[in-house]
């Protein structure tokens, strides 16, 4: 389900921050893509995740998020879901991101 995709992506991105060893995260994630320091996961709603990051690391954060969210699922013959991202600038309203 889409919830599983989000849960696995959150583990891929956050396993180090929650104190999981790589071997444990690898049991549920085919891709481990830790979110870089300076980037934070704030909220998960249904099939969406909300992040913020220092503008200087935005490119690295977007790469990590894309890798985690689009990881292939081995039990589904490598199926993955392409994602859509909305990005804003410092001070933008989260509700009005493009």
PDB file of N, CA and C in Angstrom:
ATOM      1  N   UNK A   1       0.840  -1.183   0.000  1.00  0.00           N
ATOM      2  CA  UNK A   1       0.000   0.000   0.000  1.00  0.00           C
ATOM      3  C   UNK A   1       0.885   1.247   0.000  1.00  0.00           C
ATOM      4  N   UNK A   2       0.270   2.383  -0.247  1.00  0.00           N
ATOM      5  CA  UNK A   2       1.020   3.634  -0.220  1.00  0.00           C
ATOM      6  C   UNK A   2       1.602   3.911   1.159  1.00  0.00           C
ATOM      7  N   UNK A   3       0.913   3.466   2.188  1.00  0.00           N
ATOM      8  CA  UNK A   3       1.449   3.640   3.541  1.00  0.00           C
ATOM      9  C   UNK A   3       2.767   2.891   3.687  1.00  0.00           C
ATOM     10  N   UNK A   4       2.853   1.679   3.127  1.00  0.00           N
ATOM     11  CA  UNK A   4       4.103   0.912   3.186  1.00  0.00           C
ATOM     12  C   UNK A   4       5.232   1.635   2.464  1.00  0.00           C
ATOM     13  N   UNK A   5       4.931   2.241   1.328  1.00  0.00           N
ATOM     14  CA  UNK A   5       5.940   2.997   0.586  1.00  0.00           C
ATOM     15  C   UNK A   5       6.470   4.130   1.465  1.00  0.00           C
ATOM     16  N   UNK A   6       5.569   4.856   2.126  1.00  0.00           N
ATOM     17  CA  UNK A   6       5.989   5.964   2.995  1.00  0.00           C
ATOM     18  C   UNK A   6       6.768   5.462   4.206  1.00  0.00           C
ATOM     19  N   UNK A   7       6.301   4.387   4.833  1.00  0.00           N
ATOM     20  CA  UNK A   7       6.999   3.864   6.007  1.00  0.00           C
ATOM     21  C   UNK A   7       8.411   3.426   5.642  1.00  0.00           C
ATOM     22  N   UNK A   8       8.550   2.734   4.527  1.00  0.00           N
ATOM     23  CA  UNK A   8       9.881   2.291   4.103  1.00  0.00           C
ATOM     24  C   UNK A   8      10.770   3.474   3.753  1.00  0.00           C
ATOM     25  N   UNK A   9      10.205   4.467   3.100  1.00  0.00           N
ATOM     26  CA  UNK A   9      10.988   5.660   2.773  1.00  0.00           C
ATOM     27  C   UNK A   9      11.453   6.360   4.051  1.00  0.00           C
ATOM     28  N   UNK A  10      10.589   6.447   5.040  1.00  0.00           N
ATOM     29  CA  UNK A  10      10.983   7.089   6.296  1.00  0.00           C
ATOM     30  C   UNK A  10      12.093   6.303   6.987  1.00  0.00           C
ATOM     31  N   UNK A  11      12.030   4.981   6.946  1.00  0.00           N
ATOM     32  CA  UNK A  11      13.106   4.171   7.529  1.00  0.00           C
ATOM     33  C   UNK A  11      14.395   4.396   6.756  1.00  0.00           C
ATOM     34  N   UNK A  12      14.321   4.392   5.430  1.00  0.00           N
ATOM     35  CA  UNK A  12      15.499   4.614   4.593  1.00  0.00           C
ATOM     36  C   UNK A  12      16.154   5.959   4.917  1.00  0.00           C
ATOM     37  N   UNK A  13      15.343   6.976   5.097  1.00  0.00           N
ATOM     38  CA  UNK A  13      15.844   8.328   5.347  1.00  0.00           C
ATOM     39  C   UNK A  13      16.296   8.553   6.785  1.00  0.00           C
ATOM     40  N   UNK A  14      15.633   7.894   7.735  1.00  0.00           N
ATOM     41  CA  UNK A  14      15.808   8.245   9.147  1.00  0.00           C
ATOM     42  C   UNK A  14      16.425   7.149  10.009  1.00  0.00           C
ATOM     43  N   UNK A  15      16.827   6.018   9.435  1.00  0.00           N
ATOM     44  CA  UNK A  15      17.280   4.894  10.268  1.00  0.00           C
ATOM     45  C   UNK A  15      18.432   5.276  11.190  1.00  0.00           C
ATOM     46  N   UNK A  16      19.359   6.080  10.726  1.00  0.00           N
ATOM     47  CA  UNK A  16      20.477   6.489  11.583  1.00  0.00           C
ATOM     48  C   UNK A  16      19.993   7.350  12.743  1.00  0.00           C
ATOM     49  N   UNK A  17      19.062   8.244  12.460  1.00  0.00           N
ATOM     50  CA  UNK A  17      18.577   9.170  13.497  1.00  0.00           C
ATOM     51  C   UNK A  17      17.741   8.474  14.562  1.00  0.00           C
ATOM     52  N   UNK A  18      17.132   7.336  14.196  1.00  0.00           N
ATOM     53  CA  UNK A  18      16.344   6.609  15.195  1.00  0.00           C
ATOM     54  C   UNK A  18      17.149   5.499  15.851  1.00  0.00           C
ATOM     55  N   UNK A  19      18.437   5.438  15.510  1.00  0.00           N
ATOM     56  CA  UNK A  19      19.325   4.492  16.164  1.00  0.00           C
ATOM     57  C   UNK A  19      19.297   3.068  15.636  1.00  0.00           C
ATOM     58  N   UNK A  20      18.776   2.878  14.412  1.00  0.00           N
ATOM     59  CA  UNK A  20      18.781   1.540  13.820  1.00  0.00           C
ATOM     60  C   UNK A  20      20.114   1.286  13.142  1.00  0.00           C
ATOM     61  N   UNK A  21      20.662   0.084  13.286  1.00  0.00           N
ATOM     62  CA  UNK A  21      21.853  -0.253  12.516  1.00  0.00           C
ATOM     63  C   UNK A  21      21.478  -0.502  11.052  1.00  0.00           C
ATOM     64  N   UNK A  22      22.458  -0.374  10.176  1.00  0.00           N
ATOM     65  CA  UNK A  22      22.216  -0.549   8.741  1.00  0.00           C
ATOM     66  C   UNK A  22      21.616  -1.917   8.426  1.00  0.00           C
ATOM     67  N   UNK A  23      22.075  -2.980   9.085  1.00  0.00           N
ATOM     68  CA  UNK A  23      21.576  -4.331   8.798  1.00  0.00           C
ATOM     69  C   UNK A  23      20.073  -4.431   9.070  1.00  0.00           C
ATOM     70  N   UNK A  24      19.606  -3.735  10.109  1.00  0.00           N
ATOM     71  CA  UNK A  24      18.181  -3.794  10.447  1.00  0.00           C
ATOM     72  C   UNK A  24      17.348  -3.027   9.413  1.00  0.00           C
ATOM     73  N   UNK A  25      17.805  -1.831   9.046  1.00  0.00           N
ATOM     74  CA  UNK A  25      17.084  -1.038   8.039  1.00  0.00           C
ATOM     75  C   UNK A  25      17.066  -1.756   6.696  1.00  0.00           C
ATOM     76  N   UNK A  26      18.143  -2.469   6.384  1.00  0.00           N
ATOM     77  CA  UNK A  26      18.232  -3.195   5.104  1.00  0.00           C
ATOM     78  C   UNK A  26      17.226  -4.339   5.009  1.00  0.00           C
ATOM     79  N   UNK A  27      16.712  -4.787   6.125  1.00  0.00           N
ATOM     80  CA  UNK A  27      15.706  -5.855   6.090  1.00  0.00           C
ATOM     81  C   UNK A  27      14.388  -5.379   5.486  1.00  0.00           C
ATOM     82  N   UNK A  28      14.117  -4.075   5.565  1.00  0.00           N
ATOM     83  CA  UNK A  28      12.857  -3.557   5.029  1.00  0.00           C
ATOM     84  C   UNK A  28      13.046  -2.593   3.867  1.00  0.00           C
ATOM     85  N   UNK A  29      14.275  -2.151   3.626  1.00  0.00           N
ATOM     86  CA  UNK A  29      14.529  -1.168   2.569  1.00  0.00           C
ATOM     87  C   UNK A  29      15.567  -1.691   1.590  1.00  0.00           C
ATOM     88  N   UNK A  30      15.243  -1.650   0.308  1.00  0.00           N
ATOM     89  CA  UNK A  30      16.219  -2.052  -0.705  1.00  0.00           C
ATOM     90  C   UNK A  30      17.214  -0.932  -0.985  1.00  0.00           C
ATOM     91  N   UNK A  31      16.886   0.287  -0.546  1.00  0.00           N
ATOM     92  CA  UNK A  31      17.756   1.448  -0.712  1.00  0.00           C
ATOM     93  C   UNK A  31      17.849   2.155   0.633  1.00  0.00           C
ATOM     94  N   UNK A  32      19.063   2.416   1.092  1.00  0.00           N
ATOM     95  CA  UNK A  32      19.271   3.214   2.296  1.00  0.00           C
ATOM     96  C   UNK A  32      19.806   4.566   1.854  1.00  0.00           C
ATOM     97  N   UNK A  33      19.078   5.612   2.198  1.00  0.00           N
ATOM     98  CA  UNK A  33      19.406   6.949   1.727  1.00  0.00           C
ATOM     99  C   UNK A  33      19.219   7.946   2.863  1.00  0.00           C
ATOM    100  N   UNK A  34      20.149   7.961   3.824  1.00  0.00           N
ATOM    101  CA  UNK A  34      19.977   8.829   4.990  1.00  0.00           C
ATOM    102  C   UNK A  34      19.812  10.300   4.622  1.00  0.00           C
ATOM    103  N   UNK A  35      18.866  10.930   5.263  1.00  0.00           N
ATOM    104  CA  UNK A  35      18.636  12.359   5.081  1.00  0.00           C
ATOM    105  C   UNK A  35      19.866  13.105   5.611  1.00  0.00           C
ATOM    106  N   UNK A  36      20.418  14.040   4.841  1.00  0.00           N
ATOM    107  CA  UNK A  36      21.626  14.724   5.303  1.00  0.00           C
ATOM    108  C   UNK A  36      21.361  15.611   6.517  1.00  0.00           C
ATOM    109  N   UNK A  37      22.425  15.816   7.310  1.00  0.00           N
ATOM    110  CA  UNK A  37      22.317  16.754   8.422  1.00  0.00           C
ATOM    111  C   UNK A  37      21.929  18.114   7.873  1.00  0.00           C
ATOM    112  N   UNK A  38      21.069  18.804   8.591  1.00  0.00           N
ATOM    113  CA  UNK A  38      20.567  20.093   8.120  1.00  0.00           C
ATOM    114  C   UNK A  38      19.222  19.971   7.425  1.00  0.00           C
ATOM    115  N   UNK A  39      18.746  18.741   7.260  1.00  0.00           N
ATOM    116  CA  UNK A  39      17.418  18.485   6.684  1.00  0.00           C
ATOM    117  C   UNK A  39      16.603  17.734   7.730  1.00  0.00           C
ATOM    118  N   UNK A  40      15.321  18.041   7.800  1.00  0.00           N
ATOM    119  CA  UNK A  40      14.449  17.427   8.802  1.00  0.00           C
ATOM    120  C   UNK A  40      13.137  16.975   8.189  1.00  0.00           C
ATOM    121  N   UNK A  41      12.671  15.836   8.652  1.00  0.00           N
ATOM    122  CA  UNK A  41      11.343  15.333   8.321  1.00  0.00           C
ATOM    123  C   UNK A  41      10.403  15.850   9.404  1.00  0.00           C
ATOM    124  N   UNK A  42       9.377  16.569   9.014  1.00  0.00           N
ATOM    125  CA  UNK A  42       8.457  17.174   9.978  1.00  0.00           C
ATOM    126  C   UNK A  42       7.133  16.435  10.122  1.00  0.00           C
ATOM    127  N   UNK A  43       6.631  15.906   9.002  1.00  0.00           N
ATOM    128  CA  UNK A  43       5.256  15.448   9.013  1.00  0.00           C
ATOM    129  C   UNK A  43       5.025  14.393   7.952  1.00  0.00           C
ATOM    130  N   UNK A  44       4.214  13.398   8.290  1.00  0.00           N
ATOM    131  CA  UNK A  44       3.755  12.406   7.324  1.00  0.00           C
ATOM    132  C   UNK A  44       2.233  12.441   7.355  1.00  0.00           C
ATOM    133  N   UNK A  45       1.616  12.667   6.212  1.00  0.00           N
ATOM    134  CA  UNK A  45       0.159  12.668   6.090  1.00  0.00           C
ATOM    135  C   UNK A  45      -0.203  11.794   4.900  1.00  0.00           C
ATOM    136  N   UNK A  46      -0.870  10.679   5.185  1.00  0.00           N
ATOM    137  CA  UNK A  46      -1.259   9.722   4.153  1.00  0.00           C
ATOM    138  C   UNK A  46      -0.037   9.291   3.343  1.00  0.00           C
ATOM    139  N   UNK A  47       0.051   9.748   2.091  1.00  0.00           N
ATOM    140  CA  UNK A  47       1.177   9.341   1.239  1.00  0.00           C
ATOM    141  C   UNK A  47       2.130  10.502   0.968  1.00  0.00           C
ATOM    142  N   UNK A  48       2.143  11.489   1.858  1.00  0.00           N
ATOM    143  CA  UNK A  48       3.000  12.661   1.674  1.00  0.00           C
ATOM    144  C   UNK A  48       3.918  12.848   2.872  1.00  0.00           C
ATOM    145  N   UNK A  49       5.108  13.341   2.591  1.00  0.00           N
ATOM    146  CA  UNK A  49       6.070  13.668   3.640  1.00  0.00           C
ATOM    147  C   UNK A  49       6.452  15.135   3.489  1.00  0.00           C
ATOM    148  N   UNK A  50       6.603  15.833   4.608  1.00  0.00           N
ATOM    149  CA  UNK A  50       6.976  17.242   4.598  1.00  0.00           C
ATOM    150  C   UNK A  50       8.354  17.394   5.246  1.00  0.00           C
ATOM    151  N   UNK A  51       9.277  18.006   4.503  1.00  0.00           N
ATOM    152  CA  UNK A  51      10.651  18.198   4.951  1.00  0.00           C
ATOM    153  C   UNK A  51      10.999  19.680   4.938  1.00  0.00           C
ATOM    154  N   UNK A  52      12.035  20.024   5.675  1.00  0.00           N
ATOM    155  CA  UNK A  52      12.672  21.329   5.518  1.00  0.00           C
ATOM    156  C   UNK A  52      14.168  21.093   5.525  1.00  0.00           C
ATOM    157  N   UNK A  53      14.911  22.015   4.916  1.00  0.00           N
ATOM    158  CA  UNK A  53      16.365  21.879   4.924  1.00  0.00           C
ATOM    159  C   UNK A  53      17.008  23.229   4.687  1.00  0.00           C
ATOM    160  N   UNK A  54      18.269  23.276   5.051  1.00  0.00           N
ATOM    161  CA  UNK A  54      19.100  24.424   4.772  1.00  0.00           C
ATOM    162  C   UNK A  54      19.209  24.537   3.247  1.00  0.00           C
ATOM    163  N   UNK A  55      19.007  25.727   2.682  1.00  0.00           N
ATOM    164  CA  UNK A  55      19.095  25.858   1.221  1.00  0.00           C
ATOM    165  C   UNK A  55      20.420  25.362   0.644  1.00  0.00           C
ATOM    166  N   UNK A  56      21.500  25.431   1.413  1.00  0.00           N
ATOM    167  CA  UNK A  56      22.813  25.008   0.914  1.00  0.00           C
ATOM    168  C   UNK A  56      22.875  23.507   0.655  1.00  0.00           C
ATOM    169  N   UNK A  57      22.002  22.719   1.278  1.00  0.00           N
ATOM    170  CA  UNK A  57      22.031  21.263   1.080  1.00  0.00           C
ATOM    171  C   UNK A  57      20.788  20.744   0.369  1.00  0.00           C
ATOM    172  N   UNK A  58      20.005  21.650  -0.200  1.00  0.00           N
ATOM    173  CA  UNK A  58      18.736  21.238  -0.816  1.00  0.00           C
ATOM    174  C   UNK A  58      18.948  20.167  -1.883  1.00  0.00           C
ATOM    175  N   UNK A  59      19.946  20.319  -2.724  1.00  0.00           N
ATOM    176  CA  UNK A  59      20.178  19.333  -3.786  1.00  0.00           C
ATOM    177  C   UNK A  59      20.420  17.947  -3.188  1.00  0.00           C
ATOM    178  N   UNK A  60      21.275  17.863  -2.167  1.00  0.00           N
ATOM    179  CA  UNK A  60      21.554  16.576  -1.524  1.00  0.00           C
ATOM    180  C   UNK A  60      20.314  16.006  -0.845  1.00  0.00           C
ATOM    181  N   UNK A  61      19.541  16.862  -0.208  1.00  0.00           N
ATOM    182  CA  UNK A  61      18.313  16.400   0.459  1.00  0.00           C
ATOM    183  C   UNK A  61      17.317  15.873  -0.568  1.00  0.00           C
ATOM    184  N   UNK A  62      17.142  16.578  -1.677  1.00  0.00           N
ATOM    185  CA  UNK A  62      16.209  16.132  -2.716  1.00  0.00           C
ATOM    186  C   UNK A  62      16.649  14.795  -3.314  1.00  0.00           C
ATOM    187  N   UNK A  63      17.952  14.605  -3.490  1.00  0.00           N
ATOM    188  CA  UNK A  63      18.450  13.327  -4.006  1.00  0.00           C
ATOM    189  C   UNK A  63      18.146  12.197  -3.024  1.00  0.00           C
ATOM    190  N   UNK A  64      18.392  12.435  -1.740  1.00  0.00           N
ATOM    191  CA  UNK A  64      18.136  11.402  -0.734  1.00  0.00           C
ATOM    192  C   UNK A  64      16.650  11.056  -0.690  1.00  0.00           C
ATOM    193  N   UNK A  65      15.799  12.062  -0.708  1.00  0.00           N
ATOM    194  CA  UNK A  65      14.354  11.850  -0.635  1.00  0.00           C
ATOM    195  C   UNK A  65      13.870  11.082  -1.866  1.00  0.00           C
ATOM    196  N   UNK A  66      14.333  11.476  -3.047  1.00  0.00           N
ATOM    197  CA  UNK A  66      13.927  10.783  -4.275  1.00  0.00           C
ATOM    198  C   UNK A  66      14.372   9.326  -4.243  1.00  0.00           C
ATOM    199  N   UNK A  67      15.617   9.080  -3.838  1.00  0.00           N
ATOM    200  CA  UNK A  67      16.121   7.696  -3.773  1.00  0.00           C
ATOM    201  C   UNK A  67      15.291   6.849  -2.827  1.00  0.00           C
ATOM    202  N   UNK A  68      14.957   7.417  -1.674  1.00  0.00           N
ATOM    203  CA  UNK A  68      14.175   6.666  -0.684  1.00  0.00           C
ATOM    204  C   UNK A  68      12.742   6.445  -1.153  1.00  0.00           C
ATOM    205  N   UNK A  69      12.117   7.472  -1.674  1.00  0.00           N
ATOM    206  CA  UNK A  69      10.709   7.361  -2.064  1.00  0.00           C
ATOM    207  C   UNK A  69      10.512   6.508  -3.314  1.00  0.00           C
ATOM    208  N   UNK A  70      11.511   6.480  -4.196  1.00  0.00           N
ATOM    209  CA  UNK A  70      11.376   5.722  -5.434  1.00  0.00           C
ATOM    210  C   UNK A  70      12.136   4.396  -5.390  1.00  0.00           C
ATOM    211  N   UNK A  71      12.428   3.894  -4.189  1.00  0.00           N
ATOM    212  CA  UNK A  71      13.148   2.618  -4.109  1.00  0.00           C
ATOM    213  C   UNK A  71      12.288   1.506  -4.703  1.00  0.00           C
ATOM    214  N   UNK A  72      12.912   0.570  -5.424  1.00  0.00           N
ATOM    215  CA  UNK A  72      12.163  -0.565  -5.959  1.00  0.00           C
ATOM    216  C   UNK A  72      11.793  -1.538  -4.841  1.00  0.00           C
ATOM    217  N   UNK A  73      10.643  -2.144  -4.963  1.00  0.00           N
ATOM    218  CA  UNK A  73      10.152  -3.089  -3.960  1.00  0.00           C
ATOM    219  C   UNK A  73      10.331  -4.503  -4.511  1.00  0.00           C
ATOM    220  N   UNK A  74      11.265  -5.237  -3.920  1.00  0.00           N
ATOM    221  CA  UNK A  74      11.637  -6.554  -4.440  1.00  0.00           C
ATOM    222  C   UNK A  74      10.468  -7.520  -4.446  1.00  0.00           C
ATOM    223  N   UNK A  75       9.607  -7.450  -3.447  1.00  0.00           N
ATOM    224  CA  UNK A  75       8.466  -8.371  -3.405  1.00  0.00           C
ATOM    225  C   UNK A  75       7.404  -8.034  -4.451  1.00  0.00           C
ATOM    226  N   UNK A  76       7.582  -6.912  -5.134  1.00  0.00           N
ATOM    227  CA  UNK A  76       6.680  -6.512  -6.217  1.00  0.00           C
ATOM    228  C   UNK A  76       7.433  -6.470  -7.547  1.00  0.00           C
ATOM    229  N   UNK A  77       8.422  -7.366  -7.681  1.00  0.00           N
ATOM    230  CA  UNK A  77       9.225  -7.481  -8.907  1.00  0.00           C
ATOM    231  C   UNK A  77       9.888  -6.163  -9.308  1.00  0.00           C
ATOM    232  N   UNK A  78      10.356  -5.406  -8.311  1.00  0.00           N
ATOM    233  CA  UNK A  78      11.060  -4.158  -8.589  1.00  0.00           C
ATOM    234  C   UNK A  78      10.159  -2.966  -8.827  1.00  0.00           C
ATOM    235  N   UNK A  79       8.858  -3.129  -8.634  1.00  0.00           N
ATOM    236  CA  UNK A  79       7.921  -2.015  -8.829  1.00  0.00           C
ATOM    237  C   UNK A  79       8.308  -0.853  -7.919  1.00  0.00           C
ATOM    238  N   UNK A  80       8.177   0.363  -8.431  1.00  0.00           N
ATOM    239  CA  UNK A  80       8.363   1.568  -7.623  1.00  0.00           C
ATOM    240  C   UNK A  80       7.370   2.620  -8.083  1.00  0.00           C
ATOM    241  N   UNK A  81       7.145   3.589  -7.235  1.00  0.00           N
ATOM    242  CA  UNK A  81       6.242   4.684  -7.562  1.00  0.00           C
ATOM    243  C   UNK A  81       7.037   5.954  -7.801  1.00  0.00           C
ATOM    244  N   UNK A  82       6.902   6.569  -8.980  1.00  0.00           N
ATOM    245  CA  UNK A  82       7.555   7.866  -9.174  1.00  0.00           C
ATOM    246  C   UNK A  82       6.877   8.898  -8.272  1.00  0.00           C
ATOM    247  N   UNK A  83       7.654   9.838  -7.778  1.00  0.00           N
ATOM    248  CA  UNK A  83       7.088  10.813  -6.849  1.00  0.00           C
ATOM    249  C   UNK A  83       7.012  12.192  -7.471  1.00  0.00           C
ATOM    250  N   UNK A  84       6.203  13.012  -6.862  1.00  0.00           N
ATOM    251  CA  UNK A  84       6.097  14.425  -7.213  1.00  0.00           C
ATOM    252  C   UNK A  84       6.562  15.212  -5.996  1.00  0.00           C
ATOM    253  N   UNK A  85       7.407  16.197  -6.213  1.00  0.00           N
ATOM    254  CA  UNK A  85       7.887  17.032  -5.109  1.00  0.00           C
ATOM    255  C   UNK A  85       7.494  18.471  -5.342  1.00  0.00           C
ATOM    256  N   UNK A  86       7.207  19.128  -4.248  1.00  0.00           N
ATOM    257  CA  UNK A  86       6.977  20.569  -4.271  1.00  0.00           C
ATOM    258  C   UNK A  86       8.062  21.194  -3.413  1.00  0.00           C
ATOM    259  N   UNK A  87       8.681  22.241  -3.939  1.00  0.00           N
ATOM    260  CA  UNK A  87       9.815  22.870  -3.263  1.00  0.00           C
ATOM    261  C   UNK A  87       9.531  24.355  -3.125  1.00  0.00           C
ATOM    262  N   UNK A  88       9.871  24.892  -1.978  1.00  0.00           N
ATOM    263  CA  UNK A  88       9.685  26.319  -1.745  1.00  0.00           C
ATOM    264  C   UNK A  88      10.967  26.970  -1.271  1.00  0.00           C
ATOM    265  N   UNK A  89      10.847  28.276  -1.003  1.00  0.00           N
ATOM    266  CA  UNK A  89      11.983  29.037  -0.501  1.00  0.00           C
ATOM    267  C   UNK A  89      11.737  29.378   0.971  1.00  0.00           C
ATOM    268  N   UNK A  90      12.787  29.799   1.636  1.00  0.00           N
ATOM    269  CA  UNK A  90      12.682  30.201   3.036  1.00  0.00           C
ATOM    270  C   UNK A  90      11.572  31.233   3.175  1.00  0.00           C
ATOM    271  N   UNK A  91      10.674  30.979   4.112  1.00  0.00           N
ATOM    272  CA  UNK A  91       9.573  31.900   4.373  1.00  0.00           C
ATOM    273  C   UNK A  91       8.288  31.571   3.632  1.00  0.00           C
ATOM    274  N   UNK A  92       8.331  30.669   2.649  1.00  0.00           N
ATOM    275  CA  UNK A  92       7.120  30.285   1.920  1.00  0.00           C
ATOM    276  C   UNK A  92       6.178  29.507   2.833  1.00  0.00           C
ATOM    277  N   UNK A  93       4.909  29.653   2.605  1.00  0.00           N
ATOM    278  CA  UNK A  93       3.895  28.887   3.319  1.00  0.00           C
ATOM    279  C   UNK A  93       3.939  27.446   2.839  1.00  0.00           C
ATOM    280  N   UNK A  94       3.926  26.477   3.766  1.00  0.00           N
ATOM    281  CA  UNK A  94       3.938  25.063   3.375  1.00  0.00           C
ATOM    282  C   UNK A  94       2.727  24.710   2.531  1.00  0.00           C
ATOM    283  N   UNK A  95       1.615  25.362   2.760  1.00  0.00           N
ATOM    284  CA  UNK A  95       0.399  25.084   2.008  1.00  0.00           C
ATOM    285  C   UNK A  95       0.414  25.604   0.591  1.00  0.00           C
ATOM    286  N   UNK A  96       1.362  26.495   0.280  1.00  0.00           N
ATOM    287  CA  UNK A  96       1.410  27.118  -1.046  1.00  0.00           C
ATOM    288  C   UNK A  96       2.654  26.744  -1.840  1.00  0.00           C
ATOM    289  N   UNK A  97       3.297  25.629  -1.498  1.00  0.00           N
ATOM    290  CA  UNK A  97       4.493  25.211  -2.218  1.00  0.00           C
ATOM    291  C   UNK A  97       4.165  24.828  -3.642  1.00  0.00           C
ATOM    292  N   UNK A  98       5.137  25.034  -4.544  1.00  0.00           N
ATOM    293  CA  UNK A  98       4.949  24.688  -5.956  1.00  0.00           C
ATOM    294  C   UNK A  98       5.752  23.464  -6.307  1.00  0.00           C
TER     295      UNK A  98
END
